[in-house]
Amino acid sequence: MLVVTALITGLGLGSMYGLLALGFHVTYAVSATVNFAQGSAMMLGAVFAYVAAVRLGLPLYAAVFIALALCAAYGVLVERLAVRPFVRRGSNAWLMATVALGIVADNTVLFTFGKEPRGFQMAWTQGGVDVAGIHVSALQLLIPVVGIFLAGVLNFGAKNTKTGKAMLAVVQNPEAARLMGINVPMVILGAYALSAVLAGAAGILIAPLANVNADMGTVFGLKAFAVAILGGISSAWGVMLAGLLFGVVEALITSLLGSTYTQILTFALVIVALALKPNGLFGRAEVKKV
């Protein structure tokens, strides 16, 4: 019974990690950069939805739409302020710049929204089903469905749509993509917006389970980056599957051994896995032409 409960919890948690990791995948696949403010985008999604739904009294669908739109704007801000200026100069300082911008966002919310966790219950999440005598909430069922669906959409779009192929062309050869009429800066900007939207969606989905506060995205963002590397950051399916695996392992360790050992053993296993598979569990080594 304990193992079944851990598996159910782990799948929901892992899907949330996978959603965040998909954001890392999107920006890396398009620009070979990653948004280390991804955890902050997750927090902003939850905070914006809470403010719109609870404080402003808007319908949930409107609150979610507004929150995701604002997350997209945040992603654009990250790319324009913390990534593009440094990439243009051939500098890797965007690594620290995205981290710094995330810290600014976290502390801005801390001072304006407050530090106390806020409960964000949604009426439609109260239902659920019984599995092996265990009640599973509608939200726990929805999170894996949303995560796997989005991974499938991204994978299909990258391989079968003109826009997806254009995005992949940008990272492979920006100059050739530009000569083919692709607006390279706009494609990269769009990737960062999409990355933040995926993180915001994860924040909204996890909010009823984790409560809303200014620090909620910090640890989740770190774990999601570990998941992205573990799964093979260039593979949408890889990062999603790695997220599910990470979440299940984390939940099993917590249930069987206690929370004291969760972080130690989980990240130790990540190190072992990467030592054996340096390109990630589902990634492939890149072929460099010389």
Protein backbone atom coordinates (compact mmCIF):
# COMPACT_ATOMS: atom_id res chain seq x y z
CA MET A 1 0.00 0.00 0.00
CA LEU A 2 2.85 2.36 0.89
CA VAL A 3 4.61 1.65 -2.39
CA VAL A 4 1.42 2.25 -4.42
CA THR A 5 0.89 5.59 -2.68
CA ALA A 6 4.51 6.56 -3.38
CA LEU A 7 4.16 5.61 -7.04
CA ILE A 8 1.04 7.76 -7.46
CA THR A 9 2.64 10.70 -5.66
CA GLY A 10 5.89 10.24 -7.58
CA LEU A 11 4.20 10.25 -10.98
CA GLY A 12 2.47 13.54 -10.21
CA LEU A 13 5.63 15.12 -8.81
CA GLY A 14 7.76 13.72 -11.62
CA SER A 15 5.42 15.10 -14.26
CA MET A 16 5.83 18.54 -12.73
CA TYR A 17 9.62 18.16 -12.85
CA GLY A 18 9.25 17.04 -16.46
CA LEU A 19 7.22 20.12 -17.38
CA LEU A 20 9.89 22.39 -15.96
CA ALA A 21 12.61 20.36 -17.67
CA LEU A 22 10.79 20.71 -21.00
CA GLY A 23 11.38 24.44 -20.66
CA PHE A 24 15.13 23.81 -20.39
CA HIS A 25 14.87 21.52 -23.42
CA VAL A 26 13.07 24.12 -25.56
CA THR A 27 15.64 26.89 -25.10
CA TYR A 28 18.59 24.52 -25.43
CA ALA A 29 17.22 22.93 -28.59
CA VAL A 30 16.79 26.34 -30.22
CA SER A 31 19.68 28.45 -28.89
CA ALA A 32 22.05 26.14 -26.96
CA THR A 33 21.30 28.24 -23.87
CA VAL A 34 19.10 27.52 -20.88
CA ASN A 35 16.94 29.67 -18.67
CA PHE A 36 18.14 29.32 -15.09
CA ALA A 37 15.24 31.55 -14.03
CA GLN A 38 12.91 28.66 -14.85
CA GLY A 39 12.08 28.06 -11.18
CA SER A 40 11.05 31.69 -10.84
CA ALA A 41 8.77 31.36 -13.89
CA MET A 42 7.08 28.44 -12.16
CA MET A 43 6.55 30.52 -9.03
CA LEU A 44 5.21 33.45 -11.06
CA GLY A 45 2.67 31.20 -12.79
CA ALA A 46 1.27 30.13 -9.43
CA VAL A 47 1.34 33.66 -7.96
CA PHE A 48 -0.27 35.31 -11.00
CA ALA A 49 -3.03 32.68 -11.11
CA TYR A 50 -3.66 33.03 -7.37
CA VAL A 51 -3.89 36.83 -7.53
CA ALA A 52 -6.20 36.75 -10.55
CA ALA A 53 -8.49 34.00 -9.21
CA VAL A 54 -8.53 34.69 -5.47
CA ARG A 55 -7.83 38.40 -5.05
CA LEU A 56 -9.45 39.68 -8.24
CA GLY A 57 -12.19 37.04 -8.27
CA LEU A 58 -11.78 36.13 -11.95
CA PRO A 59 -12.96 32.76 -13.29
CA LEU A 60 -10.28 30.08 -13.16
CA TYR A 61 -9.91 29.81 -16.93
CA ALA A 62 -9.35 33.57 -17.18
CA ALA A 63 -6.88 33.51 -14.29
CA VAL A 64 -4.89 30.70 -15.93
CA PHE A 65 -4.84 32.50 -19.29
CA ILE A 66 -3.63 35.75 -17.70
CA ALA A 67 -1.00 33.93 -15.63
CA LEU A 68 0.42 32.08 -18.64
CA ALA A 69 0.42 35.26 -20.76
CA LEU A 70 2.37 37.08 -18.04
CA CYS A 71 4.78 34.13 -17.78
CA ALA A 72 5.36 34.37 -21.54
CA ALA A 73 6.15 38.08 -21.08
CA TYR A 74 8.58 37.15 -18.30
CA GLY A 75 10.29 34.68 -20.63
CA VAL A 76 10.67 37.42 -23.23
CA LEU A 77 12.16 39.70 -20.57
CA VAL A 78 14.68 37.04 -19.57
CA GLU A 79 15.82 36.55 -23.16
CA ARG A 80 16.08 40.26 -23.95
CA LEU A 81 17.80 41.35 -20.72
CA ALA A 82 19.73 38.33 -19.47
CA VAL A 83 20.58 36.27 -22.54
CA ARG A 84 20.70 38.15 -25.86
CA PRO A 85 23.17 40.91 -24.87
CA PHE A 86 25.73 38.37 -23.67
CA VAL A 87 25.27 35.84 -26.47
CA ARG A 88 25.84 38.61 -29.04
CA ARG A 89 29.23 39.27 -27.46
CA GLY A 90 30.12 35.58 -27.35
CA SER A 91 30.01 35.59 -23.54
CA ASN A 92 28.68 32.85 -21.28
CA ALA A 93 27.69 35.43 -18.67
CA TRP A 94 24.03 34.66 -19.48
CA LEU A 95 24.45 31.74 -17.06
CA MET A 96 24.79 34.11 -14.11
CA ALA A 97 22.50 36.76 -15.59
CA THR A 98 19.51 34.39 -15.75
CA VAL A 99 20.18 33.24 -12.20
CA ALA A 100 20.36 36.87 -11.05
CA LEU A 101 17.14 37.81 -12.83
CA GLY A 102 15.41 34.86 -11.19
CA ILE A 103 16.58 36.05 -7.77
CA VAL A 104 15.27 39.53 -8.55
CA ALA A 105 11.88 38.07 -9.49
CA ASP A 106 11.74 35.93 -6.34
CA ASN A 107 12.52 38.84 -4.04
CA THR A 108 10.16 41.20 -5.85
CA VAL A 109 7.32 38.74 -5.22
CA LEU A 110 8.52 38.28 -1.63
CA PHE A 111 8.16 42.00 -0.93
CA THR A 112 4.88 42.48 -2.80
CA PHE A 113 3.05 39.19 -2.33
CA GLY A 114 4.43 38.35 1.12
CA LYS A 115 6.37 35.36 2.45
CA GLU A 116 3.45 33.41 3.93
CA PRO A 117 2.35 30.35 1.90
CA ARG A 118 -1.18 30.73 0.48
CA GLY A 119 -3.53 27.84 -0.14
CA PHE A 120 -4.91 27.78 -3.68
CA GLN A 121 -7.70 25.25 -3.86
CA MET A 122 -9.63 24.71 -7.08
CA ALA A 123 -13.11 23.20 -7.00
CA TRP A 124 -12.47 20.79 -9.88
CA THR A 125 -9.43 19.28 -8.12
CA GLN A 126 -11.50 18.01 -5.19
CA GLY A 127 -12.84 14.96 -7.04
CA GLY A 128 -10.91 11.83 -7.90
CA VAL A 129 -10.98 8.04 -8.11
CA ASP A 130 -9.97 5.13 -5.89
CA VAL A 131 -6.99 3.05 -7.06
CA ALA A 132 -6.18 -0.11 -5.06
CA GLY A 133 -8.05 1.35 -2.12
CA ILE A 134 -6.20 4.66 -2.34
CA HIS A 135 -7.95 7.89 -3.23
CA VAL A 136 -6.25 9.68 -6.11
CA SER A 137 -7.25 13.31 -6.64
CA ALA A 138 -8.17 14.68 -10.05
CA LEU A 139 -5.09 16.91 -9.91
CA GLN A 140 -2.76 13.95 -9.37
CA LEU A 141 -4.25 12.38 -12.49
CA LEU A 142 -4.15 15.59 -14.52
CA ILE A 143 -0.50 16.51 -13.98
CA PRO A 144 0.96 13.38 -15.68
CA VAL A 145 -1.57 13.65 -18.51
CA VAL A 146 -0.66 17.29 -19.18
CA GLY A 147 3.07 16.59 -18.97
CA ILE A 148 3.05 13.62 -21.33
CA PHE A 149 0.73 15.42 -23.74
CA LEU A 150 2.98 18.48 -23.93
CA ALA A 151 6.09 16.33 -24.42
CA GLY A 152 4.31 14.61 -27.30
CA VAL A 153 3.25 17.92 -28.83
CA LEU A 154 6.79 19.33 -28.65
CA ASN A 155 8.30 16.18 -30.11
CA PHE A 156 5.76 16.06 -32.94
CA GLY A 157 6.02 19.78 -33.64
CA ALA A 158 9.82 19.71 -33.83
CA LYS A 159 9.84 16.90 -36.39
CA ASN A 160 6.70 17.48 -38.42
CA THR A 161 5.93 21.20 -38.59
CA LYS A 162 7.59 24.02 -40.50
CA THR A 163 7.95 26.10 -37.35
CA GLY A 164 9.50 23.23 -35.43
CA LYS A 165 12.03 22.52 -38.16
CA ALA A 166 12.86 26.21 -38.35
CA MET A 167 13.53 26.28 -34.61
CA LEU A 168 15.88 23.30 -34.86
CA ALA A 169 17.64 24.86 -37.84
CA VAL A 170 18.45 27.96 -35.78
CA VAL A 171 20.68 26.10 -33.30
CA GLN A 172 22.31 23.91 -35.96
CA ASN A 173 23.35 26.78 -38.22
CA PRO A 174 22.08 30.27 -37.36
CA GLU A 175 23.62 31.89 -40.43
CA ALA A 176 22.11 29.38 -42.83
CA ALA A 177 18.74 29.72 -41.09
CA ARG A 178 18.94 33.51 -41.49
CA LEU A 179 19.71 33.15 -45.19
CA MET A 180 16.66 30.92 -45.56
CA GLY A 181 14.48 33.77 -44.28
CA ILE A 182 14.10 32.59 -40.68
CA ASN A 183 13.96 35.41 -38.14
CA VAL A 184 16.51 33.93 -35.74
CA PRO A 185 16.10 36.44 -32.85
CA MET A 186 12.30 36.02 -32.90
CA VAL A 187 12.56 32.22 -32.89
CA ILE A 188 14.84 32.31 -29.85
CA LEU A 189 12.56 34.87 -28.18
CA GLY A 190 9.60 32.57 -28.80
CA ALA A 191 11.49 29.63 -27.30
CA TYR A 192 12.09 31.56 -24.08
CA ALA A 193 8.45 32.61 -23.92
CA LEU A 194 7.35 28.99 -24.39
CA SER A 195 9.85 27.86 -21.76
CA ALA A 196 8.35 30.24 -19.19
CA VAL A 197 4.80 29.19 -20.15
CA LEU A 198 5.66 25.53 -19.48
CA ALA A 199 7.11 26.50 -16.10
CA GLY A 200 4.07 28.64 -15.30
CA ALA A 201 1.75 25.73 -16.16
CA ALA A 202 3.72 23.52 -13.78
CA GLY A 203 3.38 26.14 -11.05
CA ILE A 204 -0.38 26.41 -11.50
CA LEU A 205 -0.81 22.64 -11.43
CA ILE A 206 1.32 22.12 -8.33
CA ALA A 207 -0.05 25.14 -6.40
CA PRO A 208 -3.00 23.31 -4.78
CA LEU A 209 -0.61 20.62 -3.51
CA ALA A 210 2.38 22.76 -2.46
CA ASN A 211 0.76 26.15 -1.62
CA VAL A 212 1.81 29.43 -3.23
CA ASN A 213 4.84 31.34 -1.96
CA ALA A 214 7.79 33.33 -3.29
CA ASP A 215 10.33 30.53 -2.75
CA MET A 216 8.36 27.63 -4.18
CA GLY A 217 10.28 27.52 -7.46
CA THR A 218 13.85 27.47 -6.14
CA VAL A 219 14.26 23.79 -5.28
CA PHE A 220 11.88 22.67 -8.03
CA GLY A 221 13.96 24.57 -10.61
CA LEU A 222 17.19 22.93 -9.42
CA LYS A 223 15.68 19.47 -9.56
CA ALA A 224 14.17 20.14 -12.98
CA PHE A 225 17.59 21.07 -14.36
CA ALA A 226 18.98 17.82 -12.95
CA VAL A 227 16.11 16.03 -14.68
CA ALA A 228 16.84 17.79 -17.99
CA ILE A 229 20.48 16.68 -17.89
CA LEU A 230 19.53 13.19 -16.71
CA GLY A 231 17.05 12.67 -19.53
CA GLY A 232 19.25 14.13 -22.25
CA ILE A 233 18.41 17.80 -22.61
CA SER A 234 18.10 17.59 -26.41
CA SER A 235 15.20 15.09 -26.19
CA ALA A 236 11.66 16.19 -25.24
CA TRP A 237 10.59 12.62 -24.49
CA GLY A 238 13.83 12.03 -22.62
CA VAL A 239 13.40 14.88 -20.15
CA MET A 240 9.75 13.98 -19.54
CA LEU A 241 10.54 10.31 -18.88
CA ALA A 242 13.46 11.32 -16.67
CA GLY A 243 11.11 13.59 -14.72
CA LEU A 244 8.71 10.71 -14.09
CA LEU A 245 11.58 8.45 -13.04
CA PHE A 246 13.08 11.12 -10.76
CA GLY A 247 9.72 11.79 -9.11
CA VAL A 248 8.97 8.11 -8.50
CA VAL A 249 12.43 7.42 -7.07
CA GLU A 250 12.19 10.47 -4.83
CA ALA A 251 8.76 9.45 -3.54
CA LEU A 252 9.86 5.84 -2.93
CA ILE A 253 12.94 6.92 -0.97
CA THR A 254 10.85 9.31 1.13
CA SER A 255 8.22 6.66 1.85
CA LEU A 256 10.57 3.76 2.58
CA LEU A 257 13.56 5.47 4.21
CA GLY A 258 12.29 8.88 5.33
CA SER A 259 12.74 12.42 4.06
CA THR A 260 16.20 12.68 5.69
CA TYR A 261 17.66 10.54 2.93
CA THR A 262 15.62 11.87 0.01
CA GLN A 263 17.96 14.53 -1.38
CA ILE A 264 21.14 12.59 -0.57
CA LEU A 265 20.16 9.38 -2.31
CA THR A 266 18.24 10.96 -5.18
CA PHE A 267 21.10 13.19 -6.32
CA ALA A 268 23.64 10.44 -5.64
CA LEU A 269 21.71 8.24 -8.07
CA VAL A 270 21.69 11.10 -10.60
CA ILE A 271 25.49 11.32 -10.35
CA VAL A 272 25.85 7.56 -10.84
CA ALA A 273 23.48 7.59 -13.82
CA LEU A 274 25.37 10.43 -15.50
CA ALA A 275 28.70 8.73 -14.82
CA LEU A 276 27.42 5.69 -16.70
CA LYS A 277 25.50 7.67 -19.36
CA PRO A 278 27.21 11.09 -19.78
CA ASN A 279 24.72 12.19 -22.46
CA GLY A 280 21.72 11.37 -20.28
CA LEU A 281 19.57 8.26 -20.08
CA PHE A 282 17.75 9.05 -23.31
CA GLY A 283 20.15 11.46 -25.01
CA ARG A 284 22.65 10.87 -27.78
CA ALA A 285 26.13 12.23 -28.25
CA GLU A 286 26.24 15.17 -30.64
CA VAL A 287 28.18 14.72 -33.85
CA LYS A 288 30.61 17.60 -34.37
CA LYS A 289 31.69 18.29 -37.92
CA VAL A 290 35.23 19.52 -38.47
